[in-house]
Amino acid sequence: MKKKNASDQFLLCVKNDAYPVSLEVRKIYQELPDAQAAVKKLVRIVDESGDDYLYPRDYFVAIELPKAAVQAIGKAS
């Protein structure tokens, strides 16, 4: 089985208590690679501002998307 790269990891936002303007609950975000953030239990994503920021990992649930959805997201970026 192929191991997923962080850039292939998609996260569903399940909480935005401290960041209601920056994060949308039930929206899918693509995780950006950041080993130092992972150690601190944070994830790096591009939020609603269009810039990448760190957020608590527990605000998200990792999800697996079908290949066609991943390809469609890649074309839209």
C-alpha atoms as a PDB file:
ATOM      1  CA  MET A   1       0.000   0.000   0.000  1.00  0.00           C
ATOM      2  CA  LYS A   2       1.328   3.423  -0.968  1.00  0.00           C
ATOM      3  CA  LYS A   3       1.887   5.828   1.930  1.00  0.00           C
ATOM      4  CA  LYS A   4       0.134   9.163   1.483  1.00  0.00           C
ATOM      5  CA  ASN A   5       2.208  12.316   1.302  1.00  0.00           C
ATOM      6  CA  ALA A   6       1.045  15.197   3.485  1.00  0.00           C
ATOM      7  CA  SER A   7       0.195  17.078   0.276  1.00  0.00           C
ATOM      8  CA  ASP A   8      -2.193  14.213  -0.615  1.00  0.00           C
ATOM      9  CA  GLN A   9      -3.904  14.509   2.774  1.00  0.00           C
ATOM     10  CA  PHE A  10      -7.323  16.097   2.891  1.00  0.00           C
ATOM     11  CA  LEU A  11      -8.944  17.344   6.066  1.00  0.00           C
ATOM     12  CA  LEU A  12     -12.576  17.996   6.891  1.00  0.00           C
ATOM     13  CA  CYS A  13     -13.021  20.980   9.197  1.00  0.00           C
ATOM     14  CA  VAL A  14     -15.195  19.944  12.154  1.00  0.00           C
ATOM     15  CA  LYS A  15     -14.631  22.887  14.483  1.00  0.00           C
ATOM     16  CA  ASN A  16     -13.814  26.594  14.110  1.00  0.00           C
ATOM     17  CA  ASP A  17     -14.492  28.008  17.599  1.00  0.00           C
ATOM     18  CA  ALA A  18     -11.484  30.338  17.763  1.00  0.00           C
ATOM     19  CA  TYR A  19     -11.344  31.000  13.997  1.00  0.00           C
ATOM     20  CA  PRO A  20     -14.906  31.485  12.651  1.00  0.00           C
ATOM     21  CA  VAL A  21     -13.799  33.902   9.927  1.00  0.00           C
ATOM     22  CA  SER A  22     -10.819  31.811   8.809  1.00  0.00           C
ATOM     23  CA  LEU A  23     -12.267  28.283   8.780  1.00  0.00           C
ATOM     24  CA  GLU A  24     -15.546  26.888   7.469  1.00  0.00           C
ATOM     25  CA  VAL A  25     -17.005  23.886   9.273  1.00  0.00           C
ATOM     26  CA  ARG A  26     -17.749  20.991   6.864  1.00  0.00           C
ATOM     27  CA  LYS A  27     -15.286  22.350   4.272  1.00  0.00           C
ATOM     28  CA  ILE A  28     -12.465  20.179   2.921  1.00  0.00           C
ATOM     29  CA  TYR A  29      -8.949  21.616   3.147  1.00  0.00           C
ATOM     30  CA  GLN A  30      -5.722  20.193   1.748  1.00  0.00           C
ATOM     31  CA  GLU A  31      -2.962  19.788   4.310  1.00  0.00           C
ATOM     32  CA  LEU A  32       0.370  21.364   3.404  1.00  0.00           C
ATOM     33  CA  PRO A  33       3.561  19.575   4.466  1.00  0.00           C
ATOM     34  CA  ASP A  34       5.013  20.943   7.734  1.00  0.00           C
ATOM     35  CA  ALA A  35       6.921  18.492   9.927  1.00  0.00           C
ATOM     36  CA  GLN A  36       7.485  21.021  12.724  1.00  0.00           C
ATOM     37  CA  ALA A  37       3.773  21.806  12.907  1.00  0.00           C
ATOM     38  CA  ALA A  38       2.911  18.106  13.133  1.00  0.00           C
ATOM     39  CA  VAL A  39       5.166  17.727  16.181  1.00  0.00           C
ATOM     40  CA  LYS A  40       3.149  20.485  17.879  1.00  0.00           C
ATOM     41  CA  LYS A  41      -0.182  18.845  16.887  1.00  0.00           C
ATOM     42  CA  LEU A  42      -0.917  21.558  14.340  1.00  0.00           C
ATOM     43  CA  VAL A  43      -1.764  21.406  10.642  1.00  0.00           C
ATOM     44  CA  ARG A  44      -0.912  23.904   7.925  1.00  0.00           C
ATOM     45  CA  ILE A  45      -3.685  24.717   5.470  1.00  0.00           C
ATOM     46  CA  VAL A  46      -4.673  27.528   3.139  1.00  0.00           C
ATOM     47  CA  ASP A  47      -7.605  29.145   4.927  1.00  0.00           C
ATOM     48  CA  GLU A  48     -10.343  31.516   3.777  1.00  0.00           C
ATOM     49  CA  SER A  49      -7.875  34.442   3.635  1.00  0.00           C
ATOM     50  CA  GLY A  50      -6.007  32.648   0.850  1.00  0.00           C
ATOM     51  CA  ASP A  51      -2.828  32.359   2.929  1.00  0.00           C
ATOM     52  CA  ASP A  52      -1.474  29.319   4.745  1.00  0.00           C
ATOM     53  CA  TYR A  53      -1.659  29.229   8.521  1.00  0.00           C
ATOM     54  CA  LEU A  54      -1.368  26.734  11.352  1.00  0.00           C
ATOM     55  CA  TYR A  55      -4.444  25.399  13.141  1.00  0.00           C
ATOM     56  CA  PRO A  56      -5.004  22.805  15.877  1.00  0.00           C
ATOM     57  CA  ARG A  57      -5.156  19.283  14.450  1.00  0.00           C
ATOM     58  CA  ASP A  58      -8.287  18.542  16.478  1.00  0.00           C
ATOM     59  CA  TYR A  59     -10.225  21.078  14.379  1.00  0.00           C
ATOM     60  CA  PHE A  60     -10.010  18.598  11.491  1.00  0.00           C
ATOM     61  CA  VAL A  61     -10.647  14.971  10.621  1.00  0.00           C
ATOM     62  CA  ALA A  62      -8.503  13.316   7.960  1.00  0.00           C
ATOM     63  CA  ILE A  63     -10.578  11.971   5.085  1.00  0.00           C
ATOM     64  CA  GLU A  64      -9.859   9.861   2.036  1.00  0.00           C
ATOM     65  CA  LEU A  65     -11.215  11.184  -1.231  1.00  0.00           C
ATOM     66  CA  PRO A  66     -11.851   9.189  -4.400  1.00  0.00           C
ATOM     67  CA  LYS A  67      -9.138   9.531  -7.033  1.00  0.00           C
ATOM     68  CA  ALA A  68     -11.456  11.497  -9.341  1.00  0.00           C
ATOM     69  CA  ALA A  69     -12.126  14.051  -6.583  1.00  0.00           C
ATOM     70  CA  VAL A  70      -8.398  14.483  -5.886  1.00  0.00           C
ATOM     71  CA  GLN A  71      -7.757  15.034  -9.593  1.00  0.00           C
ATOM     72  CA  ALA A  72     -10.602  17.554  -9.827  1.00  0.00           C
ATOM     73  CA  ILE A  73      -9.259  19.472  -6.825  1.00  0.00           C
ATOM     74  CA  GLY A  74      -5.782  19.494  -8.386  1.00  0.00           C
ATOM     75  CA  LYS A  75      -7.127  20.977 -11.613  1.00  0.00           C
ATOM     76  CA  ALA A  76      -9.049  23.646  -9.713  1.00  0.00           C
ATOM     77  CA  SER A  77      -5.998  24.878  -7.765  1.00  0.00           C
END
